[in-house]
Each structure stands twice: as structure tokens, then as C-alpha cells.
Amino acid sequence: MAGAIQHDGAARIVWRLLAGFGGGYALVSAFVAASGKLLPLIGMARGDAVSLALMLALLVYVPICLLMFATRHPVRDGLAVLAVATALVLLARIV
């Protein structure tokens, strides 16, 4: 039936919670770290760069959490969130 509510098992719901909130937190932390290191390279003061990154973090965190509860493929999307977080951590470490 089209548009029917899909009943997920407990393991999938736990995955959605962990990937949404935990993965979102990891992604936002990595985003702030990478932005805090990259923005001063274009001339922004370091304190201003970190403050801007922290303010923008809310605009990143909320959609990630919503994505994990709205998606039809939570495992794939959760792994994508964790992959992006890992890439941002590596970027922050390199710079």
C-alpha cells in the first residue's frame, strides 16, 4: 500500500537514534573544527571563525537528525553521515 507507515524493528530505531544524534554530533563537531581551521586561512579572525562555525552548526545538526528519522534507508544514510564526519575530521587534521 503506497504511503503506508513502515514499522521498523527495535534495532533499526536504535540505529536511527545513534546515527541521528551521535553521528550528527560527530559531524557537527568535525564541521566546527574544520571551519575553525579553514576560515582563518581566508583572512577571518580565528575567534570569529569559530563563533561563526558554532552558529552554523545548528543549521547542520538539525537536518541531520531529521534526515535519520525521515529516510527510507537509515543504514545507508547513517553510514554516509559517519563517512562525512570522518572526512571532515581528516580535513581538520591535515590543515
C-alpha atoms as a PDB file:
ATOM      1  CA  MET A   1       0.000   0.000   0.000  1.00  0.00           C
ATOM      2  CA  ALA A   2       1.508   3.298  -1.071  1.00  0.00           C
ATOM      3  CA  GLY A   3       2.117   5.786   1.710  1.00  0.00           C
ATOM      4  CA  ALA A   4       1.737   3.219   4.473  1.00  0.00           C
ATOM      5  CA  ILE A   5       3.682   3.681   7.685  1.00  0.00           C
ATOM      6  CA  GLN A   6       6.681   1.396   7.791  1.00  0.00           C
ATOM      7  CA  HIS A   7       7.160  -0.430  11.074  1.00  0.00           C
ATOM      8  CA  ASP A   8      10.846  -0.624  11.935  1.00  0.00           C
ATOM      9  CA  GLY A   9      12.280  -3.110  14.354  1.00  0.00           C
ATOM     10  CA  ALA A  10      13.856  -2.030  17.617  1.00  0.00           C
ATOM     11  CA  ALA A  11      17.376  -2.391  16.229  1.00  0.00           C
ATOM     12  CA  ARG A  12      16.612  -0.036  13.360  1.00  0.00           C
ATOM     13  CA  ILE A  13      15.082   2.531  15.690  1.00  0.00           C
ATOM     14  CA  VAL A  14      18.161   2.383  17.908  1.00  0.00           C
ATOM     15  CA  TRP A  15      20.319   2.807  14.788  1.00  0.00           C
ATOM     16  CA  ARG A  16      18.292   5.862  13.772  1.00  0.00           C
ATOM     17  CA  LEU A  17      18.794   7.365  17.238  1.00  0.00           C
ATOM     18  CA  LEU A  18      22.523   6.653  17.359  1.00  0.00           C
ATOM     19  CA  ALA A  19      23.211   7.727  13.797  1.00  0.00           C
ATOM     20  CA  GLY A  20      20.981  10.792  14.032  1.00  0.00           C
ATOM     21  CA  PHE A  21      22.077  12.193  17.358  1.00  0.00           C
ATOM     22  CA  GLY A  22      25.514  10.601  17.765  1.00  0.00           C
ATOM     23  CA  GLY A  23      26.510  10.800  14.117  1.00  0.00           C
ATOM     24  CA  GLY A  24      25.054  14.281  13.865  1.00  0.00           C
ATOM     25  CA  TYR A  25      27.088  15.355  16.885  1.00  0.00           C
ATOM     26  CA  ALA A  26      30.248  13.874  15.374  1.00  0.00           C
ATOM     27  CA  LEU A  27      29.559  15.573  12.047  1.00  0.00           C
ATOM     28  CA  VAL A  28      28.875  18.949  13.684  1.00  0.00           C
ATOM     29  CA  SER A  29      31.995  18.704  15.850  1.00  0.00           C
ATOM     30  CA  ALA A  30      34.083  17.914  12.798  1.00  0.00           C
ATOM     31  CA  PHE A  31      32.380  20.739  10.872  1.00  0.00           C
ATOM     32  CA  VAL A  32      33.239  23.248  13.611  1.00  0.00           C
ATOM     33  CA  ALA A  33      36.831  22.003  13.806  1.00  0.00           C
ATOM     34  CA  ALA A  34      37.324  22.145  10.027  1.00  0.00           C
ATOM     35  CA  SER A  35      35.641  25.532   9.689  1.00  0.00           C
ATOM     36  CA  GLY A  36      37.615  26.901  12.628  1.00  0.00           C
ATOM     37  CA  LYS A  37      40.826  25.977  10.832  1.00  0.00           C
ATOM     38  CA  LEU A  38      39.833  26.830   7.255  1.00  0.00           C
ATOM     39  CA  LEU A  39      38.127  30.200   7.710  1.00  0.00           C
ATOM     40  CA  PRO A  40      41.203  31.921   9.203  1.00  0.00           C
ATOM     41  CA  LEU A  41      43.077  30.939   6.041  1.00  0.00           C
ATOM     42  CA  ILE A  42      40.864  33.312   4.042  1.00  0.00           C
ATOM     43  CA  GLY A  43      41.512  36.208   6.413  1.00  0.00           C
ATOM     44  CA  MET A  44      38.830  35.844   9.091  1.00  0.00           C
ATOM     45  CA  ALA A  45      39.913  36.226  12.699  1.00  0.00           C
ATOM     46  CA  ARG A  46      40.204  32.844  14.460  1.00  0.00           C
ATOM     47  CA  GLY A  47      37.710  33.747  17.207  1.00  0.00           C
ATOM     48  CA  ASP A  48      35.196  34.998  14.647  1.00  0.00           C
ATOM     49  CA  ALA A  49      35.691  31.867  12.543  1.00  0.00           C
ATOM     50  CA  VAL A  50      34.963  29.555  15.466  1.00  0.00           C
ATOM     51  CA  SER A  51      31.960  31.652  16.539  1.00  0.00           C
ATOM     52  CA  LEU A  52      30.533  31.568  13.016  1.00  0.00           C
ATOM     53  CA  ALA A  53      31.111  27.819  12.770  1.00  0.00           C
ATOM     54  CA  LEU A  54      29.331  27.263  16.094  1.00  0.00           C
ATOM     55  CA  MET A  55      26.346  29.302  14.945  1.00  0.00           C
ATOM     56  CA  LEU A  56      26.181  27.437  11.634  1.00  0.00           C
ATOM     57  CA  ALA A  57      26.426  24.122  13.470  1.00  0.00           C
ATOM     58  CA  LEU A  58      22.746  24.285  14.396  1.00  0.00           C
ATOM     59  CA  LEU A  59      21.878  24.577  10.713  1.00  0.00           C
ATOM     60  CA  VAL A  60      23.825  21.359  10.117  1.00  0.00           C
ATOM     61  CA  TYR A  61      22.783  19.335  13.185  1.00  0.00           C
ATOM     62  CA  VAL A  62      19.004  19.673  12.934  1.00  0.00           C
ATOM     63  CA  PRO A  63      18.708  18.496   9.295  1.00  0.00           C
ATOM     64  CA  ILE A  64      20.981  15.510  10.027  1.00  0.00           C
ATOM     65  CA  CYS A  65      18.754  14.435  12.915  1.00  0.00           C
ATOM     66  CA  LEU A  66      15.628  14.917  10.807  1.00  0.00           C
ATOM     67  CA  LEU A  67      17.188  13.012   7.900  1.00  0.00           C
ATOM     68  CA  MET A  68      17.794   9.951  10.037  1.00  0.00           C
ATOM     69  CA  PHE A  69      14.132   9.753  11.028  1.00  0.00           C
ATOM     70  CA  ALA A  70      12.721  10.624   7.595  1.00  0.00           C
ATOM     71  CA  THR A  71      14.837   8.375   5.403  1.00  0.00           C
ATOM     72  CA  ARG A  72      13.774   5.029   3.985  1.00  0.00           C
ATOM     73  CA  HIS A  73      17.365   3.779   4.094  1.00  0.00           C
ATOM     74  CA  PRO A  74      18.633   4.569   7.607  1.00  0.00           C
ATOM     75  CA  VAL A  75      21.656   2.273   7.490  1.00  0.00           C
ATOM     76  CA  ARG A  76      22.981   3.726   4.237  1.00  0.00           C
ATOM     77  CA  ASP A  77      22.329   7.309   5.286  1.00  0.00           C
ATOM     78  CA  GLY A  78      23.764   6.760   8.757  1.00  0.00           C
ATOM     79  CA  LEU A  79      26.955   5.387   7.258  1.00  0.00           C
ATOM     80  CA  ALA A  80      27.071   8.386   4.909  1.00  0.00           C
ATOM     81  CA  VAL A  81      26.804  10.765   7.891  1.00  0.00           C
ATOM     82  CA  LEU A  82      29.642   8.949   9.631  1.00  0.00           C
ATOM     83  CA  ALA A  83      31.733   8.976   6.436  1.00  0.00           C
ATOM     84  CA  VAL A  84      31.298  12.737   6.025  1.00  0.00           C
ATOM     85  CA  ALA A  85      32.199  13.265   9.691  1.00  0.00           C
ATOM     86  CA  THR A  86      35.342  11.182   9.213  1.00  0.00           C
ATOM     87  CA  ALA A  87      36.280  13.149   6.096  1.00  0.00           C
ATOM     88  CA  LEU A  88      35.839  16.452   7.956  1.00  0.00           C
ATOM     89  CA  VAL A  89      37.975  15.220  10.852  1.00  0.00           C
ATOM     90  CA  LEU A  90      40.713  14.241   8.423  1.00  0.00           C
ATOM     91  CA  LEU A  91      40.444  17.630   6.693  1.00  0.00           C
ATOM     92  CA  ALA A  92      40.733  19.428  10.024  1.00  0.00           C
ATOM     93  CA  ARG A  93      43.799  17.336  10.955  1.00  0.00           C
ATOM     94  CA  ILE A  94      45.518  17.971   7.624  1.00  0.00           C
ATOM     95  CA  VAL A  95      45.096  21.756   7.612  1.00  0.00           C
END
